[in-house]
C-alpha atoms as a PDB file:
ATOM      1  CA  UNK A   1     128.219 165.695  85.800  1.00  0.00           C
ATOM      2  CA  UNK A   2     127.747 164.090  82.362  1.00  0.00           C
ATOM      3  CA  UNK A   3     130.340 166.397  80.813  1.00  0.00           C
ATOM      4  CA  UNK A   4     132.866 165.598  83.540  1.00  0.00           C
ATOM      5  CA  UNK A   5     132.385 161.826  83.238  1.00  0.00           C
ATOM      6  CA  UNK A   6     132.633 162.019  79.452  1.00  0.00           C
ATOM      7  CA  UNK A   7     135.923 163.934  79.720  1.00  0.00           C
ATOM      8  CA  UNK A   8     137.380 161.409  82.170  1.00  0.00           C
ATOM      9  CA  UNK A   9     136.161 158.511  80.066  1.00  0.00           C
ATOM     10  CA  UNK A  10     137.764 159.893  76.914  1.00  0.00           C
ATOM     11  CA  UNK A  11     141.075 160.421  78.718  1.00  0.00           C
ATOM     12  CA  UNK A  12     141.082 156.887  80.063  1.00  0.00           C
ATOM     13  CA  UNK A  13     140.140 155.409  76.718  1.00  0.00           C
ATOM     14  CA  UNK A  14     143.171 157.120  75.194  1.00  0.00           C
ATOM     15  CA  UNK A  15     145.487 155.961  77.991  1.00  0.00           C
ATOM     16  CA  UNK A  16     144.186 152.412  78.003  1.00  0.00           C
ATOM     17  CA  UNK A  17     144.406 152.193  74.227  1.00  0.00           C
ATOM     18  CA  UNK A  18     148.114 152.958  74.512  1.00  0.00           C
ATOM     19  CA  UNK A  19     148.658 150.356  77.210  1.00  0.00           C
ATOM     20  CA  UNK A  20     146.630 147.740  75.353  1.00  0.00           C
ATOM     21  CA  UNK A  21     148.603 148.500  72.207  1.00  0.00           C
ATOM     22  CA  UNK A  22     151.842 147.945  74.077  1.00  0.00           C
ATOM     23  CA  UNK A  23     150.540 144.621  75.413  1.00  0.00           C
ATOM     24  CA  UNK A  24     149.558 143.570  71.925  1.00  0.00           C
ATOM     25  CA  UNK A  25     153.049 144.336  70.598  1.00  0.00           C
ATOM     26  CA  UNK A  26     154.573 142.356  73.458  1.00  0.00           C
ATOM     27  CA  UNK A  27     152.203 139.426  73.052  1.00  0.00           C
ATOM     28  CA  UNK A  28     154.484 137.200  70.941  1.00  0.00           C
ATOM     29  CA  UNK A  29     157.255 137.334  73.539  1.00  0.00           C
ATOM     30  CA  UNK A  30     154.941 137.060  76.525  1.00  0.00           C
ATOM     31  CA  UNK A  31     153.062 134.153  75.069  1.00  0.00           C
ATOM     32  CA  UNK A  32     155.984 131.789  74.528  1.00  0.00           C
ATOM     33  CA  UNK A  33     154.987 129.620  77.498  1.00  0.00           C
ATOM     34  CA  UNK A  34     151.472 129.057  76.162  1.00  0.00           C
ATOM     35  CA  UNK A  35     148.961 130.309  73.680  1.00  0.00           C
ATOM     36  CA  UNK A  36     148.147 133.961  74.309  1.00  0.00           C
ATOM     37  CA  UNK A  37     144.469 134.838  74.529  1.00  0.00           C
ATOM     38  CA  UNK A  38     142.791 137.858  72.865  1.00  0.00           C
ATOM     39  CA  UNK A  39     142.435 141.025  74.884  1.00  0.00           C
ATOM     40  CA  UNK A  40     139.015 141.206  76.520  1.00  0.00           C
ATOM     41  CA  UNK A  41     137.366 144.525  77.322  1.00  0.00           C
ATOM     42  CA  UNK A  42     134.659 145.349  79.828  1.00  0.00           C
ATOM     43  CA  UNK A  43     132.960 148.463  81.139  1.00  0.00           C
ATOM     44  CA  UNK A  44     130.679 149.576  83.938  1.00  0.00           C
ATOM     45  CA  UNK A  45     128.433 152.572  84.478  1.00  0.00           C
ATOM     46  CA  UNK A  46     126.768 153.174  87.840  1.00  0.00           C
ATOM     47  CA  UNK A  47     124.549 155.703  89.623  1.00  0.00           C
ATOM     48  CA  UNK A  48     124.403 155.921  93.404  1.00  0.00           C
ATOM     49  CA  UNK A  49     122.635 157.738  96.201  1.00  0.00           C
ATOM     50  CA  UNK A  50     123.412 157.999  99.917  1.00  0.00           C
ATOM     51  CA  UNK A  51     121.147 159.143 102.740  1.00  0.00           C
ATOM     52  CA  UNK A  52     122.996 159.439 106.032  1.00  0.00           C
ATOM     53  CA  UNK A  53     122.767 161.031 109.467  1.00  0.00           C
ATOM     54  CA  UNK A  54     126.533 161.407 109.347  1.00  0.00           C
ATOM     55  CA  UNK A  55     128.047 164.699 108.212  1.00  0.00           C
ATOM     56  CA  UNK A  56     131.572 163.356 107.870  1.00  0.00           C
ATOM     57  CA  UNK A  57     133.366 160.450 106.208  1.00  0.00           C
ATOM     58  CA  UNK A  58     134.961 157.533 107.985  1.00  0.00           C
ATOM     59  CA  UNK A  59     136.771 155.692 105.245  1.00  0.00           C
ATOM     60  CA  UNK A  60     137.243 155.130 101.565  1.00  0.00           C
ATOM     61  CA  UNK A  61     133.510 155.037 100.874  1.00  0.00           C
ATOM     62  CA  UNK A  62     131.103 158.005 100.924  1.00  0.00           C
ATOM     63  CA  UNK A  63     129.267 158.306 104.242  1.00  0.00           C
ATOM     64  CA  UNK A  64     127.608 161.716 103.762  1.00  0.00           C
ATOM     65  CA  UNK A  65     124.319 162.305 101.946  1.00  0.00           C
ATOM     66  CA  UNK A  66     124.337 163.002  98.215  1.00  0.00           C
ATOM     67  CA  UNK A  67     124.212 161.491  94.735  1.00  0.00           C
ATOM     68  CA  UNK A  68     126.947 160.371  92.369  1.00  0.00           C
ATOM     69  CA  UNK A  69     128.010 158.321  89.377  1.00  0.00           C
ATOM     70  CA  UNK A  70     131.024 156.402  88.102  1.00  0.00           C
ATOM     71  CA  UNK A  71     132.297 154.971  84.834  1.00  0.00           C
ATOM     72  CA  UNK A  72     134.931 152.234  84.626  1.00  0.00           C
ATOM     73  CA  UNK A  73     136.786 150.717  81.679  1.00  0.00           C
ATOM     74  CA  UNK A  74     138.804 147.513  81.958  1.00  0.00           C
ATOM     75  CA  UNK A  75     140.960 145.309  79.760  1.00  0.00           C
ATOM     76  CA  UNK A  76     142.297 141.798  80.486  1.00  0.00           C
ATOM     77  CA  UNK A  77     145.076 140.031  78.649  1.00  0.00           C
ATOM     78  CA  UNK A  78     146.454 136.521  79.157  1.00  0.00           C
ATOM     79  CA  UNK A  79     149.986 136.294  77.766  1.00  0.00           C
ATOM     80  CA  UNK A  80     150.196 132.723  79.057  1.00  0.00           C
ATOM     81  CA  UNK A  81     147.744 130.141  80.326  1.00  0.00           C
ATOM     82  CA  UNK A  82     148.420 130.879  84.001  1.00  0.00           C
ATOM     83  CA  UNK A  83     149.065 134.635  83.797  1.00  0.00           C
ATOM     84  CA  UNK A  84     146.515 137.449  83.669  1.00  0.00           C
ATOM     85  CA  UNK A  85     147.178 141.172  83.233  1.00  0.00           C
ATOM     86  CA  UNK A  86     144.374 143.631  83.915  1.00  0.00           C
ATOM     87  CA  UNK A  87     144.235 147.417  83.597  1.00  0.00           C
ATOM     88  CA  UNK A  88     141.381 149.662  84.702  1.00  0.00           C
ATOM     89  CA  UNK A  89     140.519 153.325  84.453  1.00  0.00           C
ATOM     90  CA  UNK A  90     137.704 154.867  86.439  1.00  0.00           C
ATOM     91  CA  UNK A  91     136.071 158.297  86.762  1.00  0.00           C
ATOM     92  CA  UNK A  92     133.773 159.182  89.673  1.00  0.00           C
ATOM     93  CA  UNK A  93     131.760 162.171  90.793  1.00  0.00           C
ATOM     94  CA  UNK A  94     129.755 162.687  93.977  1.00  0.00           C
ATOM     95  CA  UNK A  95     127.619 165.726  94.760  1.00  0.00           C
ATOM     96  CA  UNK A  96     127.231 166.250  98.504  1.00  0.00           C
ATOM     97  CA  UNK A  97     123.956 167.588  99.828  1.00  0.00           C
ATOM     98  CA  UNK A  98     125.906 169.769 102.259  1.00  0.00           C
ATOM     99  CA  UNK A  99     126.298 173.136 100.538  1.00  0.00           C
ATOM    100  CA  UNK A 100     129.564 173.767 102.386  1.00  0.00           C
ATOM    101  CA  UNK A 101     131.221 170.889 100.554  1.00  0.00           C
ATOM    102  CA  UNK A 102     131.990 170.884  96.863  1.00  0.00           C
ATOM    103  CA  UNK A 103     131.614 167.861  94.618  1.00  0.00           C
ATOM    104  CA  UNK A 104     134.191 165.085  94.900  1.00  0.00           C
ATOM    105  CA  UNK A 105     135.582 164.417  91.403  1.00  0.00           C
ATOM    106  CA  UNK A 106     137.840 161.363  91.456  1.00  0.00           C
ATOM    107  CA  UNK A 107     139.984 159.472  88.953  1.00  0.00           C
ATOM    108  CA  UNK A 108     141.447 156.008  89.523  1.00  0.00           C
ATOM    109  CA  UNK A 109     143.873 153.850  87.560  1.00  0.00           C
ATOM    110  CA  UNK A 110     144.807 150.234  88.362  1.00  0.00           C
ATOM    111  CA  UNK A 111     147.259 147.669  86.997  1.00  0.00           C
ATOM    112  CA  UNK A 112     147.044 144.087  88.289  1.00  0.00           C
ATOM    113  CA  UNK A 113     149.053 140.967  87.425  1.00  0.00           C
ATOM    114  CA  UNK A 114     147.781 137.579  88.631  1.00  0.00           C
ATOM    115  CA  UNK A 115     149.798 134.364  88.438  1.00  0.00           C
ATOM    116  CA  UNK A 116     148.340 130.899  89.019  1.00  0.00           C
ATOM    117  CA  UNK A 117     150.943 128.789  90.842  1.00  0.00           C
ATOM    118  CA  UNK A 118     148.809 125.671  91.104  1.00  0.00           C
ATOM    119  CA  UNK A 119     145.142 124.668  91.017  1.00  0.00           C
ATOM    120  CA  UNK A 120     144.823 125.902  94.608  1.00  0.00           C
ATOM    121  CA  UNK A 121     147.289 128.800  94.838  1.00  0.00           C
ATOM    122  CA  UNK A 122     147.275 132.224  93.131  1.00  0.00           C
ATOM    123  CA  UNK A 123     149.440 135.281  93.728  1.00  0.00           C
ATOM    124  CA  UNK A 124     148.714 138.831  92.628  1.00  0.00           C
ATOM    125  CA  UNK A 125     150.562 142.145  92.473  1.00  0.00           C
ATOM    126  CA  UNK A 126     149.041 145.549  91.828  1.00  0.00           C
ATOM    127  CA  UNK A 127     149.785 149.254  91.398  1.00  0.00           C
ATOM    128  CA  UNK A 128     147.018 151.821  91.885  1.00  0.00           C
ATOM    129  CA  UNK A 129     146.727 155.575  91.568  1.00  0.00           C
ATOM    130  CA  UNK A 130     143.860 157.581  93.065  1.00  0.00           C
ATOM    131  CA  UNK A 131     143.208 161.274  92.438  1.00  0.00           C
ATOM    132  CA  UNK A 132     140.977 163.248  94.800  1.00  0.00           C
ATOM    133  CA  UNK A 133     139.357 160.553  96.963  1.00  0.00           C
ATOM    134  CA  UNK A 134     137.814 160.678 100.441  1.00  0.00           C
ATOM    135  CA  UNK A 135     139.866 158.939 103.147  1.00  0.00           C
ATOM    136  CA  UNK A 136     139.513 158.578 106.896  1.00  0.00           C
ATOM    137  CA  UNK A 137     141.834 161.450 107.799  1.00  0.00           C
ATOM    138  CA  UNK A 138     140.904 163.974 105.074  1.00  0.00           C
ATOM    139  CA  UNK A 139     137.993 164.911 102.829  1.00  0.00           C
ATOM    140  CA  UNK A 140     140.284 164.834  99.787  1.00  0.00           C
ATOM    141  CA  UNK A 141     143.596 163.127  99.052  1.00  0.00           C
ATOM    142  CA  UNK A 142     145.671 161.648  96.237  1.00  0.00           C
ATOM    143  CA  UNK A 143     147.088 158.171  96.793  1.00  0.00           C
ATOM    144  CA  UNK A 144     149.572 155.793  95.183  1.00  0.00           C
ATOM    145  CA  UNK A 145     149.622 152.209  96.421  1.00  0.00           C
ATOM    146  CA  UNK A 146     151.474 148.997  95.667  1.00  0.00           C
ATOM    147  CA  UNK A 147     150.625 145.626  97.096  1.00  0.00           C
ATOM    148  CA  UNK A 148     149.950 141.973  96.647  1.00  0.00           C
ATOM    149  CA  UNK A 149     147.693 139.061  97.472  1.00  0.00           C
ATOM    150  CA  UNK A 150     148.132 135.371  98.153  1.00  0.00           C
ATOM    151  CA  UNK A 151     144.994 133.295  97.586  1.00  0.00           C
ATOM    152  CA  UNK A 152     144.447 129.655  98.478  1.00  0.00           C
ATOM    153  CA  UNK A 153     141.267 127.880  97.404  1.00  0.00           C
ATOM    154  CA  UNK A 154     140.183 124.260  97.703  1.00  0.00           C
ATOM    155  CA  UNK A 155     136.647 123.077  97.110  1.00  0.00           C
ATOM    156  CA  UNK A 156     134.306 125.507  98.843  1.00  0.00           C
ATOM    157  CA  UNK A 157     136.959 127.121 101.045  1.00  0.00           C
ATOM    158  CA  UNK A 158     138.951 130.217 100.088  1.00  0.00           C
ATOM    159  CA  UNK A 159     141.569 132.183 102.046  1.00  0.00           C
ATOM    160  CA  UNK A 160     143.030 135.526 100.980  1.00  0.00           C
ATOM    161  CA  UNK A 161     145.934 137.446 102.526  1.00  0.00           C
ATOM    162  CA  UNK A 162     146.559 141.004 101.302  1.00  0.00           C
ATOM    163  CA  UNK A 163     149.280 143.590 101.954  1.00  0.00           C
ATOM    164  CA  UNK A 164     149.279 147.150 100.654  1.00  0.00           C
ATOM    165  CA  UNK A 165     151.657 150.096 101.034  1.00  0.00           C
ATOM    166  CA  UNK A 166     150.150 153.562 100.456  1.00  0.00           C
ATOM    167  CA  UNK A 167     151.486 157.089 100.006  1.00  0.00           C
ATOM    168  CA  UNK A 168     149.034 159.996 100.273  1.00  0.00           C
ATOM    169  CA  UNK A 169     149.111 163.707  99.426  1.00  0.00           C
ATOM    170  CA  UNK A 170     146.349 165.672 101.161  1.00  0.00           C
ATOM    171  CA  UNK A 171     144.351 168.159  99.061  1.00  0.00           C
ATOM    172  CA  UNK A 172     143.418 170.295 102.042  1.00  0.00           C
ATOM    173  CA  UNK A 173     143.884 173.875 103.229  1.00  0.00           C
ATOM    174  CA  UNK A 174     146.904 172.691 105.219  1.00  0.00           C
ATOM    175  CA  UNK A 175     148.659 170.333 102.782  1.00  0.00           C
ATOM    176  CA  UNK A 176     150.726 167.408 103.921  1.00  0.00           C
ATOM    177  CA  UNK A 177     151.800 163.863 103.130  1.00  0.00           C
ATOM    178  CA  UNK A 178     151.255 160.513 104.754  1.00  0.00           C
ATOM    179  CA  UNK A 179     152.232 156.918 104.200  1.00  0.00           C
ATOM    180  CA  UNK A 180     151.591 153.538 105.746  1.00  0.00           C
ATOM    181  CA  UNK A 181     150.439 150.000 105.227  1.00  0.00           C
ATOM    182  CA  UNK A 182     147.315 147.888 105.316  1.00  0.00           C
ATOM    183  CA  UNK A 183     147.221 144.170 106.111  1.00  0.00           C
ATOM    184  CA  UNK A 184     144.066 142.092 105.731  1.00  0.00           C
ATOM    185  CA  UNK A 185     142.821 138.544 105.666  1.00  0.00           C
ATOM    186  CA  UNK A 186     139.613 136.911 104.487  1.00  0.00           C
ATOM    187  CA  UNK A 187     138.042 133.488 104.807  1.00  0.00           C
ATOM    188  CA  UNK A 188     135.114 132.603 102.532  1.00  0.00           C
ATOM    189  CA  UNK A 189     132.979 129.469 102.777  1.00  0.00           C
ATOM    190  CA  UNK A 190     130.813 128.774  99.727  1.00  0.00           C
ATOM    191  CA  UNK A 191     127.584 126.782 100.045  1.00  0.00           C
ATOM    192  CA  UNK A 192     126.218 127.274  96.539  1.00  0.00           C
ATOM    193  CA  UNK A 193     125.623 129.919  93.846  1.00  0.00           C
ATOM    194  CA  UNK A 194     125.542 133.362  95.552  1.00  0.00           C
ATOM    195  CA  UNK A 195     125.388 131.530  98.886  1.00  0.00           C
ATOM    196  CA  UNK A 196     128.390 132.089 101.164  1.00  0.00           C
ATOM    197  CA  UNK A 197     129.688 133.130 104.571  1.00  0.00           C
ATOM    198  CA  UNK A 198     132.663 135.503 104.798  1.00  0.00           C
ATOM    199  CA  UNK A 199     134.965 136.748 107.568  1.00  0.00           C
ATOM    200  CA  UNK A 200     137.269 139.765 107.132  1.00  0.00           C
ATOM    201  CA  UNK A 201     139.984 141.232 109.358  1.00  0.00           C
ATOM    202  CA  UNK A 202     142.252 144.191 108.630  1.00  0.00           C
ATOM    203  CA  UNK A 203     144.773 146.515 110.263  1.00  0.00           C
ATOM    204  CA  UNK A 204     146.037 149.742 108.754  1.00  0.00           C
ATOM    205  CA  UNK A 205     148.357 152.539 109.764  1.00  0.00           C
ATOM    206  CA  UNK A 206     149.068 155.995 108.344  1.00  0.00           C
ATOM    207  CA  UNK A 207     151.952 158.188 109.557  1.00  0.00           C
ATOM    208  CA  UNK A 208     152.366 161.855 108.616  1.00  0.00           C
ATOM    209  CA  UNK A 209     155.416 163.822 109.754  1.00  0.00           C
ATOM    210  CA  UNK A 210     154.387 167.186 108.287  1.00  0.00           C
ATOM    211  CA  UNK A 211     150.653 166.793 109.097  1.00  0.00           C
ATOM    212  CA  UNK A 212     150.630 164.847 112.392  1.00  0.00           C
ATOM    213  CA  UNK A 213     146.860 165.283 112.898  1.00  0.00           C
ATOM    214  CA  UNK A 214     146.408 162.891 109.979  1.00  0.00           C
ATOM    215  CA  UNK A 215     148.282 159.990 111.611  1.00  0.00           C
ATOM    216  CA  UNK A 216     146.122 157.110 112.807  1.00  0.00           C
ATOM    217  CA  UNK A 217     145.745 153.349 113.032  1.00  0.00           C
ATOM    218  CA  UNK A 218     142.545 151.387 112.468  1.00  0.00           C
ATOM    219  CA  UNK A 219     141.256 147.829 112.841  1.00  0.00           C
ATOM    220  CA  UNK A 220     138.185 146.364 111.147  1.00  0.00           C
ATOM    221  CA  UNK A 221     136.405 143.040 111.684  1.00  0.00           C
ATOM    222  CA  UNK A 222     133.401 141.971 109.613  1.00  0.00           C
ATOM    223  CA  UNK A 223     131.205 138.933 109.106  1.00  0.00           C
ATOM    224  CA  UNK A 224     128.860 138.802 106.114  1.00  0.00           C
ATOM    225  CA  UNK A 225     126.404 136.211 104.828  1.00  0.00           C
ATOM    226  CA  UNK A 226     124.864 135.977 101.350  1.00  0.00           C
ATOM    227  CA  UNK A 227     121.691 133.981 100.794  1.00  0.00           C
ATOM    228  CA  UNK A 228     119.850 133.744  97.447  1.00  0.00           C
ATOM    229  CA  UNK A 229     116.121 134.397  97.836  1.00  0.00           C
ATOM    230  CA  UNK A 230     115.407 134.361  94.090  1.00  0.00           C
ATOM    231  CA  UNK A 231     117.289 133.430  90.921  1.00  0.00           C
ATOM    232  CA  UNK A 232     118.792 136.930  90.692  1.00  0.00           C
ATOM    233  CA  UNK A 233     118.197 138.367  94.183  1.00  0.00           C
ATOM    234  CA  UNK A 234     120.415 137.912  97.237  1.00  0.00           C
ATOM    235  CA  UNK A 235     119.913 138.953 100.842  1.00  0.00           C
ATOM    236  CA  UNK A 236     123.147 139.852 102.678  1.00  0.00           C
ATOM    237  CA  UNK A 237     123.134 140.610 106.406  1.00  0.00           C
ATOM    238  CA  UNK A 238     126.418 141.652 107.993  1.00  0.00           C
ATOM    239  CA  UNK A 239     127.977 142.863 111.219  1.00  0.00           C
ATOM    240  CA  UNK A 240     131.030 145.104 111.286  1.00  0.00           C
ATOM    241  CA  UNK A 241     133.211 146.462 114.081  1.00  0.00           C
ATOM    242  CA  UNK A 242     135.703 149.303 113.582  1.00  0.00           C
ATOM    243  CA  UNK A 243     138.043 151.000 116.008  1.00  0.00           C
ATOM    244  CA  UNK A 244     140.655 153.650 115.365  1.00  0.00           C
ATOM    245  CA  UNK A 245     142.703 156.285 117.146  1.00  0.00           C
ATOM    246  CA  UNK A 246     144.680 159.347 116.111  1.00  0.00           C
ATOM    247  CA  UNK A 247     148.249 160.110 117.058  1.00  0.00           C
ATOM    248  CA  UNK A 248     147.826 163.878 117.530  1.00  0.00           C
ATOM    249  CA  UNK A 249     144.157 164.846 117.898  1.00  0.00           C
ATOM    250  CA  UNK A 250     142.974 165.931 121.332  1.00  0.00           C
ATOM    251  CA  UNK A 251     139.458 164.690 122.079  1.00  0.00           C
ATOM    252  CA  UNK A 252     137.136 167.655 122.605  1.00  0.00           C
ATOM    253  CA  UNK A 253     135.148 167.341 125.806  1.00  0.00           C
ATOM    254  CA  UNK A 254     137.361 164.634 127.303  1.00  0.00           C
ATOM    255  CA  UNK A 255     138.155 165.709 130.902  1.00  0.00           C
ATOM    256  CA  UNK A 256     141.369 163.697 130.798  1.00  0.00           C
ATOM    257  CA  UNK A 257     142.570 165.496 127.677  1.00  0.00           C
ATOM    258  CA  UNK A 258     143.296 162.193 125.955  1.00  0.00           C
ATOM    259  CA  UNK A 259     143.860 161.668 122.254  1.00  0.00           C
ATOM    260  CA  UNK A 260     140.796 160.904 120.192  1.00  0.00           C
ATOM    261  CA  UNK A 261     139.621 157.266 120.056  1.00  0.00           C
ATOM    262  CA  UNK A 262     136.587 156.093 118.065  1.00  0.00           C
ATOM    263  CA  UNK A 263     134.763 152.836 117.438  1.00  0.00           C
ATOM    264  CA  UNK A 264     131.441 151.572 116.184  1.00  0.00           C
ATOM    265  CA  UNK A 265     129.417 148.398 115.730  1.00  0.00           C
ATOM    266  CA  UNK A 266     127.263 148.358 112.600  1.00  0.00           C
ATOM    267  CA  UNK A 267     124.602 145.736 111.855  1.00  0.00           C
ATOM    268  CA  UNK A 268     123.597 146.024 108.194  1.00  0.00           C
ATOM    269  CA  UNK A 269     121.441 144.461 105.521  1.00  0.00           C
ATOM    270  CA  UNK A 270     121.866 144.463 101.737  1.00  0.00           C
ATOM    271  CA  UNK A 271     119.628 143.394  98.891  1.00  0.00           C
ATOM    272  CA  UNK A 272     121.592 142.643  95.726  1.00  0.00           C
ATOM    273  CA  UNK A 273     119.995 141.951  92.343  1.00  0.00           C
ATOM    274  CA  UNK A 274     121.359 141.043  88.930  1.00  0.00           C
ATOM    275  CA  UNK A 275     124.247 138.976  87.646  1.00  0.00           C
ATOM    276  CA  UNK A 276     127.785 139.157  88.989  1.00  0.00           C
ATOM    277  CA  UNK A 277     129.278 139.483  85.494  1.00  0.00           C
ATOM    278  CA  UNK A 278     127.365 141.200  82.661  1.00  0.00           C
ATOM    279  CA  UNK A 279     124.070 143.040  82.595  1.00  0.00           C
ATOM    280  CA  UNK A 280     121.943 145.222  84.820  1.00  0.00           C
ATOM    281  CA  UNK A 281     122.491 145.125  88.582  1.00  0.00           C
ATOM    282  CA  UNK A 282     121.288 146.932  91.675  1.00  0.00           C
ATOM    283  CA  UNK A 283     122.115 147.080  95.374  1.00  0.00           C
ATOM    284  CA  UNK A 284     120.294 148.645  98.315  1.00  0.00           C
ATOM    285  CA  UNK A 285     121.840 148.720 101.787  1.00  0.00           C
ATOM    286  CA  UNK A 286     120.988 150.005 105.246  1.00  0.00           C
ATOM    287  CA  UNK A 287     123.191 150.030 108.322  1.00  0.00           C
ATOM    288  CA  UNK A 288     122.943 151.421 111.820  1.00  0.00           C
ATOM    289  CA  UNK A 289     126.180 152.545 113.460  1.00  0.00           C
ATOM    290  CA  UNK A 290     126.293 152.272 117.233  1.00  0.00           C
ATOM    291  CA  UNK A 291     129.178 154.605 117.884  1.00  0.00           C
ATOM    292  CA  UNK A 292     131.495 155.315 120.812  1.00  0.00           C
ATOM    293  CA  UNK A 293     134.024 158.161 120.979  1.00  0.00           C
ATOM    294  CA  UNK A 294     135.812 160.114 123.686  1.00  0.00           C
ATOM    295  CA  UNK A 295     135.296 163.221 121.490  1.00  0.00           C
ATOM    296  CA  UNK A 296     131.858 164.746 122.104  1.00  0.00           C
ATOM    297  CA  UNK A 297     131.470 165.655 118.418  1.00  0.00           C
ATOM    298  CA  UNK A 298     131.604 162.050 117.220  1.00  0.00           C
ATOM    299  CA  UNK A 299     129.674 159.937 119.721  1.00  0.00           C
ATOM    300  CA  UNK A 300     126.218 159.913 118.112  1.00  0.00           C
ATOM    301  CA  UNK A 301     124.615 156.834 116.615  1.00  0.00           C
ATOM    302  CA  UNK A 302     123.601 157.130 112.968  1.00  0.00           C
ATOM    303  CA  UNK A 303     121.888 155.347 110.111  1.00  0.00           C
ATOM    304  CA  UNK A 304     123.269 155.133 106.575  1.00  0.00           C
ATOM    305  CA  UNK A 305     121.222 154.059 103.545  1.00  0.00           C
ATOM    306  CA  UNK A 306     122.748 153.528 100.116  1.00  0.00           C
ATOM    307  CA  UNK A 307     121.388 152.639  96.675  1.00  0.00           C
ATOM    308  CA  UNK A 308     123.343 151.680  93.536  1.00  0.00           C
ATOM    309  CA  UNK A 309     122.078 150.958  90.051  1.00  0.00           C
ATOM    310  CA  UNK A 310     124.416 150.058  87.219  1.00  0.00           C
ATOM    311  CA  UNK A 311     125.146 148.097  84.089  1.00  0.00           C
ATOM    312  CA  UNK A 312     128.161 145.913  83.313  1.00  0.00           C
ATOM    313  CA  UNK A 313     129.131 145.607  79.646  1.00  0.00           C
END
């Protein structure tokens, strides 16, 4: 694991050094509208563990039991007062407890440009590349995505609207491709430091012509509350609802022979410790998924417990 992360980290350092060098050469031209700021670097290293009754994944996070780690490098550059450019490189590894599944070794690269239109309005565009990640429809896939965000903020109220287009190549025994979009919105009400209430809604769709079993659409609704119980400790209860259906998967055990449809309600609790910027941090979470499916293989309730410990440089 350490050797793999070190290899990924070295590769990203080399790539990011080239990009940062290009930004530095372009700085005089980019900074004509205002004084350019120095390039700022940051890094993160994190260990994680998951204990779960689930033996499958249901999204872009890891839902099956195991342990893992990740390393991330980032650089931010402000060519003008109201413009921010950020690049990130990340290497991840996760060792599943299930002996029938190999480790998931992932690499991620991100480029984001944020423009402040006014004191209340920001817009953002991004390009992202993912290698070998877990997604809803496959244990392993590569993904390229482009998208944007509009953010409005006044006082203690913040609204975000996001749109993302994604293309996926499946790293499975039966290869295939898929593409689709994701739309989401978020409202956040801030009451004080680390004290907020947040509502999220999203809809996503993936279509695959040469691997139709991968096609699906999914909706997610979530409410989450953060309350500080100590100077550096926050308690975060949440409630999430997900529903999704597949375009070409027959539900096993359904007497009507319908296509597979799944949903769950998940009450959860998190304890978060540490600063949001630099330094040591930790997070422990537990959720219980009350699940419904017309496929007899996927209608069991389950608990998922996760722990993360990391350091931001």
